[in-house]
């Protein structure tokens, strides 16, 4: 996935808590055929069962510092694990975490090879993830399940050059809506007609004629939440089609919403340009010309030079 210099500390750290974060970089060709992260051999390796040596290595890490403040990690270097592994250092005393909640967390990330700090959200904007999101490392999800706000955890994952070690403090947890909620907007003629199923999943009726050559951003539902800001971690439901109505991906079909840092180059430009500034709770129809999608590159079932149509529900942002 592309990364720009404007990536915030929160967004950069959040990407490392996802399975795609351990994948090797190969430029834009590494992007999935949808805005969601793609699977990779590195990700599969990271999701392997940790060995007894991995568990022992993490147990040997010492965490010092008051809860809520950036901790100090002490460990033998180089620190290395063969698979993702996590453990609870200190249980929380707040509300119990629930599946589907968006967790706000502070994260300190260090290089296992030499102990150098690679990133931190302490003193800045906390990062976030959705508990139960299949994009998140299974070891971390398992460790978080049943914990409470205020818990402190350690998490480690292998990397291409060195293992990464993270200290994580759970700051807050909140429920995430399952669909857009707000005021319905009547779109103009000439755009694909959107119909919603009972659960909110969209379908479209394509229109005849040539596709627009410019980005189309058409709200279908205007939410009442704050406007999405560049660099925030945003949770969406989405479905995508080619201009002729051929579907190619849907988070609704996968049964899980999609979370990413928006406005940072982590997703196609049409999403970054079209969704930043939209209120949380909105549903937006995007018609994305090839230059703001995948251009001349074929992406899985998406042919080169394709105009893309998305219906996106903006569920939460932090």
C-alpha atoms as a PDB file:
ATOM      1  CA  UNK A   1       0.000   0.000   0.000  1.00  0.00           C
ATOM      2  CA  UNK A   2       1.170   3.542  -0.630  1.00  0.00           C
ATOM      3  CA  UNK A   3       2.185   5.611   2.387  1.00  0.00           C
ATOM      4  CA  UNK A   4       2.625   9.382   2.314  1.00  0.00           C
ATOM      5  CA  UNK A   5       4.637  11.697   4.532  1.00  0.00           C
ATOM      6  CA  UNK A   6       1.409  12.939   6.131  1.00  0.00           C
ATOM      7  CA  UNK A   7       0.745   9.638   7.927  1.00  0.00           C
ATOM      8  CA  UNK A   8       0.148  10.385  11.606  1.00  0.00           C
ATOM      9  CA  UNK A   9       1.807   8.488  14.446  1.00  0.00           C
ATOM     10  CA  UNK A  10      -1.575   6.970  15.252  1.00  0.00           C
ATOM     11  CA  UNK A  11      -2.153   5.778  11.691  1.00  0.00           C
ATOM     12  CA  UNK A  12       1.372   4.419  11.302  1.00  0.00           C
ATOM     13  CA  UNK A  13       1.147   2.421  14.534  1.00  0.00           C
ATOM     14  CA  UNK A  14      -2.360   1.188  13.719  1.00  0.00           C
ATOM     15  CA  UNK A  15      -1.172  -0.308  10.441  1.00  0.00           C
ATOM     16  CA  UNK A  16       1.290  -2.492  12.350  1.00  0.00           C
ATOM     17  CA  UNK A  17      -1.527  -4.060  14.367  1.00  0.00           C
ATOM     18  CA  UNK A  18      -3.059  -5.398  11.168  1.00  0.00           C
ATOM     19  CA  UNK A  19      -2.075  -8.528   9.295  1.00  0.00           C
ATOM     20  CA  UNK A  20      -1.169  -6.497   6.197  1.00  0.00           C
ATOM     21  CA  UNK A  21       1.265  -4.489   8.286  1.00  0.00           C
ATOM     22  CA  UNK A  22       3.725  -7.363   8.257  1.00  0.00           C
ATOM     23  CA  UNK A  23       3.604  -7.817   4.492  1.00  0.00           C
ATOM     24  CA  UNK A  24       6.534  -6.874   2.348  1.00  0.00           C
ATOM     25  CA  UNK A  25       6.212  -3.673   0.324  1.00  0.00           C
ATOM     26  CA  UNK A  26       6.200  -3.817  -3.431  1.00  0.00           C
ATOM     27  CA  UNK A  27       4.797  -0.409  -4.255  1.00  0.00           C
ATOM     28  CA  UNK A  28       1.311   0.157  -5.622  1.00  0.00           C
ATOM     29  CA  UNK A  29       1.202  -3.357  -7.018  1.00  0.00           C
ATOM     30  CA  UNK A  30       0.898  -4.555  -3.441  1.00  0.00           C
ATOM     31  CA  UNK A  31      -2.503  -2.926  -3.067  1.00  0.00           C
ATOM     32  CA  UNK A  32      -5.455  -5.259  -2.951  1.00  0.00           C
ATOM     33  CA  UNK A  33      -8.161  -5.169  -5.587  1.00  0.00           C
ATOM     34  CA  UNK A  34     -10.299  -3.376  -3.001  1.00  0.00           C
ATOM     35  CA  UNK A  35      -9.532  -0.814  -0.260  1.00  0.00           C
ATOM     36  CA  UNK A  36      -9.020  -3.680   2.191  1.00  0.00           C
ATOM     37  CA  UNK A  37      -5.588  -5.114   3.054  1.00  0.00           C
ATOM     38  CA  UNK A  38      -4.446  -8.124   1.085  1.00  0.00           C
ATOM     39  CA  UNK A  39      -3.225 -11.426   2.458  1.00  0.00           C
ATOM     40  CA  UNK A  40       0.429 -12.309   2.079  1.00  0.00           C
ATOM     41  CA  UNK A  41       2.879 -15.046   2.934  1.00  0.00           C
ATOM     42  CA  UNK A  42       4.299 -12.793   5.638  1.00  0.00           C
ATOM     43  CA  UNK A  43       0.862 -12.302   7.151  1.00  0.00           C
ATOM     44  CA  UNK A  44       0.208 -16.026   7.090  1.00  0.00           C
ATOM     45  CA  UNK A  45       3.518 -16.629   8.837  1.00  0.00           C
ATOM     46  CA  UNK A  46       2.657 -14.060  11.494  1.00  0.00           C
ATOM     47  CA  UNK A  47      -0.660 -15.815  12.126  1.00  0.00           C
ATOM     48  CA  UNK A  48       1.013 -19.170  12.751  1.00  0.00           C
ATOM     49  CA  UNK A  49       0.802 -20.604  16.248  1.00  0.00           C
ATOM     50  CA  UNK A  50       3.543 -19.154  18.491  1.00  0.00           C
ATOM     51  CA  UNK A  51       6.119 -21.599  19.757  1.00  0.00           C
ATOM     52  CA  UNK A  52       7.036 -22.129  23.396  1.00  0.00           C
ATOM     53  CA  UNK A  53      10.139 -20.054  22.680  1.00  0.00           C
ATOM     54  CA  UNK A  54       7.977 -17.177  21.379  1.00  0.00           C
ATOM     55  CA  UNK A  55       5.840 -17.228  24.517  1.00  0.00           C
ATOM     56  CA  UNK A  56       8.922 -17.365  26.758  1.00  0.00           C
ATOM     57  CA  UNK A  57      10.556 -14.469  24.898  1.00  0.00           C
ATOM     58  CA  UNK A  58       7.544 -12.241  25.502  1.00  0.00           C
ATOM     59  CA  UNK A  59       7.262 -13.348  29.131  1.00  0.00           C
ATOM     60  CA  UNK A  60      10.862 -12.232  29.648  1.00  0.00           C
ATOM     61  CA  UNK A  61      10.129  -8.635  28.612  1.00  0.00           C
ATOM     62  CA  UNK A  62       9.916  -6.263  31.592  1.00  0.00           C
ATOM     63  CA  UNK A  63       7.417  -3.396  31.454  1.00  0.00           C
ATOM     64  CA  UNK A  64       7.926  -0.429  33.799  1.00  0.00           C
ATOM     65  CA  UNK A  65       5.950   2.770  34.197  1.00  0.00           C
ATOM     66  CA  UNK A  66       2.633   3.973  35.512  1.00  0.00           C
ATOM     67  CA  UNK A  67      -0.532   2.918  33.766  1.00  0.00           C
ATOM     68  CA  UNK A  68      -1.437   5.466  31.123  1.00  0.00           C
ATOM     69  CA  UNK A  69       2.089   6.842  30.805  1.00  0.00           C
ATOM     70  CA  UNK A  70       4.562   5.675  28.168  1.00  0.00           C
ATOM     71  CA  UNK A  71       6.252   2.591  29.602  1.00  0.00           C
ATOM     72  CA  UNK A  72       9.870   1.467  29.446  1.00  0.00           C
ATOM     73  CA  UNK A  73      10.527  -1.965  27.936  1.00  0.00           C
ATOM     74  CA  UNK A  74      13.574  -3.956  28.972  1.00  0.00           C
ATOM     75  CA  UNK A  75      14.543  -7.120  27.116  1.00  0.00           C
ATOM     76  CA  UNK A  76      17.497  -9.082  25.803  1.00  0.00           C
ATOM     77  CA  UNK A  77      18.529  -7.963  22.346  1.00  0.00           C
ATOM     78  CA  UNK A  78      18.034  -9.008  19.700  1.00  0.00           C
ATOM     79  CA  UNK A  79      14.433  -9.903  20.534  1.00  0.00           C
ATOM     80  CA  UNK A  80      12.838 -12.208  17.992  1.00  0.00           C
ATOM     81  CA  UNK A  81       9.640 -14.240  17.584  1.00  0.00           C
ATOM     82  CA  UNK A  82       8.577 -16.579  14.804  1.00  0.00           C
ATOM     83  CA  UNK A  83       4.851 -15.802  15.096  1.00  0.00           C
ATOM     84  CA  UNK A  84       2.603 -13.156  16.610  1.00  0.00           C
ATOM     85  CA  UNK A  85       2.239 -13.476  20.381  1.00  0.00           C
ATOM     86  CA  UNK A  86       0.547 -11.361  23.057  1.00  0.00           C
ATOM     87  CA  UNK A  87       0.078 -11.307  26.820  1.00  0.00           C
ATOM     88  CA  UNK A  88      -1.748  -9.204  29.394  1.00  0.00           C
ATOM     89  CA  UNK A  89       0.648  -7.312  31.671  1.00  0.00           C
ATOM     90  CA  UNK A  90      -1.942  -5.596  33.872  1.00  0.00           C
ATOM     91  CA  UNK A  91      -5.726  -6.161  33.777  1.00  0.00           C
ATOM     92  CA  UNK A  92      -7.948  -3.115  33.425  1.00  0.00           C
ATOM     93  CA  UNK A  93     -10.506  -1.901  35.951  1.00  0.00           C
ATOM     94  CA  UNK A  94     -12.972  -0.262  33.554  1.00  0.00           C
ATOM     95  CA  UNK A  95     -15.786  -1.608  31.434  1.00  0.00           C
ATOM     96  CA  UNK A  96     -15.374  -5.049  29.902  1.00  0.00           C
ATOM     97  CA  UNK A  97     -14.410  -5.000  26.227  1.00  0.00           C
ATOM     98  CA  UNK A  98     -17.033  -6.329  23.822  1.00  0.00           C
ATOM     99  CA  UNK A  99     -16.712  -7.777  20.347  1.00  0.00           C
ATOM    100  CA  UNK A 100     -17.344  -5.146  17.675  1.00  0.00           C
ATOM    101  CA  UNK A 101     -16.320  -2.206  19.853  1.00  0.00           C
ATOM    102  CA  UNK A 102     -13.799   0.341  18.618  1.00  0.00           C
ATOM    103  CA  UNK A 103     -10.907   0.339  21.064  1.00  0.00           C
ATOM    104  CA  UNK A 104      -8.900   3.507  21.630  1.00  0.00           C
ATOM    105  CA  UNK A 105      -5.345   2.679  22.699  1.00  0.00           C
ATOM    106  CA  UNK A 106      -1.910   4.125  23.249  1.00  0.00           C
ATOM    107  CA  UNK A 107       0.887   2.104  21.692  1.00  0.00           C
ATOM    108  CA  UNK A 108       4.666   2.172  22.035  1.00  0.00           C
ATOM    109  CA  UNK A 109       6.424   0.309  19.237  1.00  0.00           C
ATOM    110  CA  UNK A 110      10.096  -0.682  19.465  1.00  0.00           C
ATOM    111  CA  UNK A 111      12.554  -2.490  17.240  1.00  0.00           C
ATOM    112  CA  UNK A 112      13.315  -5.920  18.653  1.00  0.00           C
ATOM    113  CA  UNK A 113      16.821  -5.889  17.167  1.00  0.00           C
ATOM    114  CA  UNK A 114      18.160  -2.882  19.072  1.00  0.00           C
ATOM    115  CA  UNK A 115      15.348  -1.542  21.277  1.00  0.00           C
ATOM    116  CA  UNK A 116      15.005   1.717  19.360  1.00  0.00           C
ATOM    117  CA  UNK A 117      11.620   3.427  19.369  1.00  0.00           C
ATOM    118  CA  UNK A 118       9.832   3.064  16.039  1.00  0.00           C
ATOM    119  CA  UNK A 119       6.637   4.902  16.956  1.00  0.00           C
ATOM    120  CA  UNK A 120       4.465   6.017  19.845  1.00  0.00           C
ATOM    121  CA  UNK A 121       1.036   7.533  20.379  1.00  0.00           C
ATOM    122  CA  UNK A 122       1.694   8.506  23.995  1.00  0.00           C
ATOM    123  CA  UNK A 123       1.378  12.278  24.204  1.00  0.00           C
ATOM    124  CA  UNK A 124      -0.395  12.282  20.819  1.00  0.00           C
ATOM    125  CA  UNK A 125      -3.648  10.934  19.376  1.00  0.00           C
ATOM    126  CA  UNK A 126      -4.385   7.340  20.437  1.00  0.00           C
ATOM    127  CA  UNK A 127      -4.785   4.780  17.705  1.00  0.00           C
ATOM    128  CA  UNK A 128      -7.781   2.485  17.363  1.00  0.00           C
ATOM    129  CA  UNK A 129      -8.962  -0.904  16.148  1.00  0.00           C
ATOM    130  CA  UNK A 130     -12.199  -2.831  16.178  1.00  0.00           C
ATOM    131  CA  UNK A 131     -12.261  -5.816  18.514  1.00  0.00           C
ATOM    132  CA  UNK A 132     -12.944  -8.935  16.463  1.00  0.00           C
ATOM    133  CA  UNK A 133     -11.822  -7.372  13.176  1.00  0.00           C
ATOM    134  CA  UNK A 134     -10.343 -10.241  11.111  1.00  0.00           C
ATOM    135  CA  UNK A 135      -7.682  -7.840   9.807  1.00  0.00           C
ATOM    136  CA  UNK A 136      -6.160  -7.658  13.303  1.00  0.00           C
ATOM    137  CA  UNK A 137      -3.613 -10.253  14.411  1.00  0.00           C
ATOM    138  CA  UNK A 138      -5.484 -13.168  15.961  1.00  0.00           C
ATOM    139  CA  UNK A 139      -3.046 -13.350  18.879  1.00  0.00           C
ATOM    140  CA  UNK A 140      -3.830  -9.747  19.804  1.00  0.00           C
ATOM    141  CA  UNK A 141      -7.585 -10.252  19.449  1.00  0.00           C
ATOM    142  CA  UNK A 142      -7.413 -13.331  21.682  1.00  0.00           C
ATOM    143  CA  UNK A 143      -5.470 -11.427  24.346  1.00  0.00           C
ATOM    144  CA  UNK A 144      -7.898  -8.476  24.273  1.00  0.00           C
ATOM    145  CA  UNK A 145     -11.038 -10.618  24.455  1.00  0.00           C
ATOM    146  CA  UNK A 146     -12.530 -10.510  27.941  1.00  0.00           C
ATOM    147  CA  UNK A 147     -10.234  -7.718  29.130  1.00  0.00           C
ATOM    148  CA  UNK A 148     -11.338  -4.311  30.417  1.00  0.00           C
ATOM    149  CA  UNK A 149     -10.611  -0.666  29.694  1.00  0.00           C
ATOM    150  CA  UNK A 150      -7.308   0.243  31.354  1.00  0.00           C
ATOM    151  CA  UNK A 151      -5.622  -3.066  30.545  1.00  0.00           C
ATOM    152  CA  UNK A 152      -1.958  -3.050  29.517  1.00  0.00           C
ATOM    153  CA  UNK A 153      -0.680  -5.667  27.066  1.00  0.00           C
ATOM    154  CA  UNK A 154       2.491  -6.668  25.293  1.00  0.00           C
ATOM    155  CA  UNK A 155       2.376  -7.762  21.674  1.00  0.00           C
ATOM    156  CA  UNK A 156       5.127  -8.965  19.356  1.00  0.00           C
ATOM    157  CA  UNK A 157       5.190  -9.952  15.708  1.00  0.00           C
ATOM    158  CA  UNK A 158       7.872 -11.089  13.257  1.00  0.00           C
ATOM    159  CA  UNK A 159       9.002  -8.747  10.513  1.00  0.00           C
ATOM    160  CA  UNK A 160      10.990  -8.852   7.302  1.00  0.00           C
ATOM    161  CA  UNK A 161      14.084  -7.381   8.989  1.00  0.00           C
ATOM    162  CA  UNK A 162      13.379  -7.558  12.719  1.00  0.00           C
ATOM    163  CA  UNK A 163      10.598  -8.472  15.112  1.00  0.00           C
ATOM    164  CA  UNK A 164       8.448  -5.662  16.475  1.00  0.00           C
ATOM    165  CA  UNK A 165       7.536  -5.328  20.145  1.00  0.00           C
ATOM    166  CA  UNK A 166       4.634  -3.188  21.354  1.00  0.00           C
ATOM    167  CA  UNK A 167       3.254  -2.053  24.696  1.00  0.00           C
ATOM    168  CA  UNK A 168      -0.487  -1.289  24.485  1.00  0.00           C
ATOM    169  CA  UNK A 169      -2.712   0.587  26.960  1.00  0.00           C
ATOM    170  CA  UNK A 170      -6.491   0.398  26.365  1.00  0.00           C
ATOM    171  CA  UNK A 171      -7.793   3.942  26.862  1.00  0.00           C
ATOM    172  CA  UNK A 172     -11.455   3.607  25.915  1.00  0.00           C
ATOM    173  CA  UNK A 173     -13.988   1.402  24.128  1.00  0.00           C
ATOM    174  CA  UNK A 174     -17.172   2.367  22.339  1.00  0.00           C
ATOM    175  CA  UNK A 175     -19.803   0.599  20.291  1.00  0.00           C
ATOM    176  CA  UNK A 176     -19.773   1.071  16.523  1.00  0.00           C
ATOM    177  CA  UNK A 177     -23.008   1.344  14.505  1.00  0.00           C
ATOM    178  CA  UNK A 178     -23.557  -1.371  11.926  1.00  0.00           C
ATOM    179  CA  UNK A 179     -24.880   0.952   9.182  1.00  0.00           C
ATOM    180  CA  UNK A 180     -25.161   4.616   8.201  1.00  0.00           C
ATOM    181  CA  UNK A 181     -27.701   6.662  10.136  1.00  0.00           C
ATOM    182  CA  UNK A 182     -28.883  10.175   9.324  1.00  0.00           C
ATOM    183  CA  UNK A 183     -30.894  12.181   6.827  1.00  0.00           C
ATOM    184  CA  UNK A 184     -31.589  10.613   3.432  1.00  0.00           C
ATOM    185  CA  UNK A 185     -30.456  12.587   0.382  1.00  0.00           C
ATOM    186  CA  UNK A 186     -32.073  12.299  -3.069  1.00  0.00           C
ATOM    187  CA  UNK A 187     -29.250  11.945  -5.595  1.00  0.00           C
ATOM    188  CA  UNK A 188     -29.391  13.567  -9.049  1.00  0.00           C
ATOM    189  CA  UNK A 189     -30.279  11.627 -12.189  1.00  0.00           C
ATOM    190  CA  UNK A 190     -27.564   9.873 -14.142  1.00  0.00           C
ATOM    191  CA  UNK A 191     -25.921   8.021 -11.248  1.00  0.00           C
ATOM    192  CA  UNK A 192     -26.265   4.335 -10.355  1.00  0.00           C
ATOM    193  CA  UNK A 193     -29.431   3.756  -8.321  1.00  0.00           C
ATOM    194  CA  UNK A 194     -28.741   2.376  -4.847  1.00  0.00           C
ATOM    195  CA  UNK A 195     -31.115   0.035  -3.034  1.00  0.00           C
ATOM    196  CA  UNK A 196     -30.565  -1.082   0.555  1.00  0.00           C
ATOM    197  CA  UNK A 197     -31.363  -4.514   1.948  1.00  0.00           C
ATOM    198  CA  UNK A 198     -33.063  -4.846   5.319  1.00  0.00           C
ATOM    199  CA  UNK A 199     -29.685  -5.032   7.061  1.00  0.00           C
ATOM    200  CA  UNK A 200     -28.361  -1.994   5.174  1.00  0.00           C
ATOM    201  CA  UNK A 201     -26.272  -3.820   2.584  1.00  0.00           C
ATOM    202  CA  UNK A 202     -26.396  -1.910  -0.731  1.00  0.00           C
ATOM    203  CA  UNK A 203     -26.974  -3.034  -4.290  1.00  0.00           C
ATOM    204  CA  UNK A 204     -26.914  -0.867  -7.409  1.00  0.00           C
ATOM    205  CA  UNK A 205     -28.726  -0.557 -10.699  1.00  0.00           C
ATOM    206  CA  UNK A 206     -26.140   0.663 -13.224  1.00  0.00           C
ATOM    207  CA  UNK A 207     -26.918   3.399 -15.720  1.00  0.00           C
ATOM    208  CA  UNK A 208     -26.280   3.371 -19.453  1.00  0.00           C
ATOM    209  CA  UNK A 209     -23.738   5.616 -21.040  1.00  0.00           C
ATOM    210  CA  UNK A 210     -20.127   6.557 -20.510  1.00  0.00           C
ATOM    211  CA  UNK A 211     -18.719   6.744 -17.010  1.00  0.00           C
ATOM    212  CA  UNK A 212     -17.876  10.153 -15.522  1.00  0.00           C
ATOM    213  CA  UNK A 213     -14.283  11.247 -16.061  1.00  0.00           C
ATOM    214  CA  UNK A 214     -14.130  13.150 -12.761  1.00  0.00           C
ATOM    215  CA  UNK A 215     -14.564  11.909  -9.208  1.00  0.00           C
ATOM    216  CA  UNK A 216     -18.221  11.855  -8.133  1.00  0.00           C
ATOM    217  CA  UNK A 217     -18.931  12.187  -4.408  1.00  0.00           C
ATOM    218  CA  UNK A 218     -22.661  11.914  -3.747  1.00  0.00           C
ATOM    219  CA  UNK A 219     -23.979  11.629  -0.163  1.00  0.00           C
ATOM    220  CA  UNK A 220     -26.955   9.291   0.089  1.00  0.00           C
ATOM    221  CA  UNK A 221     -27.351   9.662   3.861  1.00  0.00           C
ATOM    222  CA  UNK A 222     -25.929  12.634   5.774  1.00  0.00           C
ATOM    223  CA  UNK A 223     -24.740  11.598   9.215  1.00  0.00           C
ATOM    224  CA  UNK A 224     -24.767  13.702  12.350  1.00  0.00           C
ATOM    225  CA  UNK A 225     -21.233  12.955  13.526  1.00  0.00           C
ATOM    226  CA  UNK A 226     -18.094  15.060  13.170  1.00  0.00           C
ATOM    227  CA  UNK A 227     -16.418  15.415   9.785  1.00  0.00           C
ATOM    228  CA  UNK A 228     -13.780  12.794   9.054  1.00  0.00           C
ATOM    229  CA  UNK A 229     -10.291  14.269   9.209  1.00  0.00           C
ATOM    230  CA  UNK A 230      -7.212  13.245   7.276  1.00  0.00           C
ATOM    231  CA  UNK A 231      -5.104  10.826   9.295  1.00  0.00           C
ATOM    232  CA  UNK A 232      -7.957   9.464  11.401  1.00  0.00           C
ATOM    233  CA  UNK A 233      -8.616   5.750  11.730  1.00  0.00           C
ATOM    234  CA  UNK A 234     -12.036   5.265  10.170  1.00  0.00           C
ATOM    235  CA  UNK A 235     -14.348   2.249  10.190  1.00  0.00           C
ATOM    236  CA  UNK A 236     -16.515   1.598   7.125  1.00  0.00           C
ATOM    237  CA  UNK A 237     -18.891  -0.815   5.516  1.00  0.00           C
ATOM    238  CA  UNK A 238     -18.551  -0.771   1.741  1.00  0.00           C
ATOM    239  CA  UNK A 239     -19.499  -2.508  -1.469  1.00  0.00           C
ATOM    240  CA  UNK A 240     -17.738  -2.021  -4.811  1.00  0.00           C
ATOM    241  CA  UNK A 241     -18.758  -2.533  -8.438  1.00  0.00           C
ATOM    242  CA  UNK A 242     -17.401  -1.829 -11.878  1.00  0.00           C
ATOM    243  CA  UNK A 243     -19.242   0.870 -13.840  1.00  0.00           C
ATOM    244  CA  UNK A 244     -21.297  -1.826 -15.616  1.00  0.00           C
ATOM    245  CA  UNK A 245     -22.576  -3.104 -12.254  1.00  0.00           C
ATOM    246  CA  UNK A 246     -20.255  -6.115 -11.890  1.00  0.00           C
ATOM    247  CA  UNK A 247     -19.529  -6.547  -8.152  1.00  0.00           C
ATOM    248  CA  UNK A 248     -15.949  -7.142  -7.039  1.00  0.00           C
ATOM    249  CA  UNK A 249     -15.914  -6.817  -3.256  1.00  0.00           C
ATOM    250  CA  UNK A 250     -18.060  -6.073  -0.206  1.00  0.00           C
ATOM    251  CA  UNK A 251     -17.357  -5.875   3.498  1.00  0.00           C
ATOM    252  CA  UNK A 252     -21.020  -6.745   4.020  1.00  0.00           C
ATOM    253  CA  UNK A 253     -20.415 -10.113   2.361  1.00  0.00           C
ATOM    254  CA  UNK A 254     -17.365 -10.659   4.557  1.00  0.00           C
ATOM    255  CA  UNK A 255     -19.407 -10.000   7.687  1.00  0.00           C
ATOM    256  CA  UNK A 256     -16.991  -7.440   9.099  1.00  0.00           C
ATOM    257  CA  UNK A 257     -16.487  -3.695   8.730  1.00  0.00           C
ATOM    258  CA  UNK A 258     -13.179  -2.356   7.420  1.00  0.00           C
ATOM    259  CA  UNK A 259     -10.918   0.030   9.386  1.00  0.00           C
ATOM    260  CA  UNK A 260      -8.099   2.068   7.850  1.00  0.00           C
ATOM    261  CA  UNK A 261      -6.272   5.381   8.191  1.00  0.00           C
ATOM    262  CA  UNK A 262      -7.962   7.764   5.785  1.00  0.00           C
ATOM    263  CA  UNK A 263      -6.250  10.557   3.888  1.00  0.00           C
ATOM    264  CA  UNK A 264      -2.817   8.977   4.225  1.00  0.00           C
ATOM    265  CA  UNK A 265      -2.449   7.061   0.968  1.00  0.00           C
ATOM    266  CA  UNK A 266      -3.336   3.754   2.630  1.00  0.00           C
ATOM    267  CA  UNK A 267      -6.257   3.316   0.229  1.00  0.00           C
ATOM    268  CA  UNK A 268      -6.976   4.407  -3.328  1.00  0.00           C
ATOM    269  CA  UNK A 269      -6.970   8.158  -3.943  1.00  0.00           C
ATOM    270  CA  UNK A 270     -10.683   8.254  -4.738  1.00  0.00           C
ATOM    271  CA  UNK A 271     -11.445   7.179  -1.182  1.00  0.00           C
ATOM    272  CA  UNK A 272      -9.010   9.652   0.374  1.00  0.00           C
ATOM    273  CA  UNK A 273     -10.343  12.545  -1.704  1.00  0.00           C
ATOM    274  CA  UNK A 274     -13.994  11.594  -1.524  1.00  0.00           C
ATOM    275  CA  UNK A 275     -14.453  10.596   2.113  1.00  0.00           C
ATOM    276  CA  UNK A 276     -12.304  13.056   4.075  1.00  0.00           C
ATOM    277  CA  UNK A 277     -14.652  15.790   5.261  1.00  0.00           C
ATOM    278  CA  UNK A 278     -17.792  13.632   5.223  1.00  0.00           C
ATOM    279  CA  UNK A 279     -19.695  13.413   8.540  1.00  0.00           C
ATOM    280  CA  UNK A 280     -19.515  10.195  10.528  1.00  0.00           C
ATOM    281  CA  UNK A 281     -22.765   8.282  10.072  1.00  0.00           C
ATOM    282  CA  UNK A 282     -22.995   9.171   6.386  1.00  0.00           C
ATOM    283  CA  UNK A 283     -23.460   6.908   3.406  1.00  0.00           C
ATOM    284  CA  UNK A 284     -21.614   8.083   0.293  1.00  0.00           C
ATOM    285  CA  UNK A 285     -21.765   6.981  -3.337  1.00  0.00           C
ATOM    286  CA  UNK A 286     -18.354   7.284  -4.986  1.00  0.00           C
ATOM    287  CA  UNK A 287     -17.757   7.013  -8.728  1.00  0.00           C
ATOM    288  CA  UNK A 288     -13.986   6.828  -9.117  1.00  0.00           C
ATOM    289  CA  UNK A 289     -12.232   7.316 -12.475  1.00  0.00           C
ATOM    290  CA  UNK A 290      -9.228   5.083 -13.229  1.00  0.00           C
ATOM    291  CA  UNK A 291      -6.677   7.782 -12.368  1.00  0.00           C
ATOM    292  CA  UNK A 292      -7.975   7.873  -8.778  1.00  0.00           C
ATOM    293  CA  UNK A 293      -8.448   4.102  -8.580  1.00  0.00           C
ATOM    294  CA  UNK A 294      -6.015   1.524  -9.928  1.00  0.00           C
ATOM    295  CA  UNK A 295      -5.177   3.263 -13.204  1.00  0.00           C
ATOM    296  CA  UNK A 296      -3.599   1.042 -15.819  1.00  0.00           C
ATOM    297  CA  UNK A 297      -2.925  -1.770 -13.338  1.00  0.00           C
ATOM    298  CA  UNK A 298      -5.190  -4.814 -13.306  1.00  0.00           C
ATOM    299  CA  UNK A 299      -6.211  -5.695  -9.744  1.00  0.00           C
ATOM    300  CA  UNK A 300      -7.589  -9.198  -9.375  1.00  0.00           C
ATOM    301  CA  UNK A 301     -11.058  -9.166 -10.959  1.00  0.00           C
ATOM    302  CA  UNK A 302     -10.805  -5.418 -11.701  1.00  0.00           C
ATOM    303  CA  UNK A 303      -9.592  -4.808 -15.276  1.00  0.00           C
ATOM    304  CA  UNK A 304      -7.089  -2.080 -16.052  1.00  0.00           C
ATOM    305  CA  UNK A 305      -8.505   1.431 -16.559  1.00  0.00           C
ATOM    306  CA  UNK A 306     -11.711   0.624 -14.698  1.00  0.00           C
ATOM    307  CA  UNK A 307     -14.141   3.167 -13.309  1.00  0.00           C
ATOM    308  CA  UNK A 308     -15.162   2.019  -9.850  1.00  0.00           C
ATOM    309  CA  UNK A 309     -18.442   2.531  -8.010  1.00  0.00           C
ATOM    310  CA  UNK A 310     -18.545   2.303  -4.221  1.00  0.00           C
ATOM    311  CA  UNK A 311     -21.284   2.735  -1.639  1.00  0.00           C
ATOM    312  CA  UNK A 312     -19.572   3.493   1.662  1.00  0.00           C
ATOM    313  CA  UNK A 313     -21.090   3.714   5.155  1.00  0.00           C
ATOM    314  CA  UNK A 314     -18.874   5.767   7.495  1.00  0.00           C
ATOM    315  CA  UNK A 315     -19.415   4.096  10.866  1.00  0.00           C
ATOM    316  CA  UNK A 316     -16.827   5.641  13.191  1.00  0.00           C
ATOM    317  CA  UNK A 317     -13.642   7.718  13.257  1.00  0.00           C
ATOM    318  CA  UNK A 318     -11.009   8.342  15.902  1.00  0.00           C
END
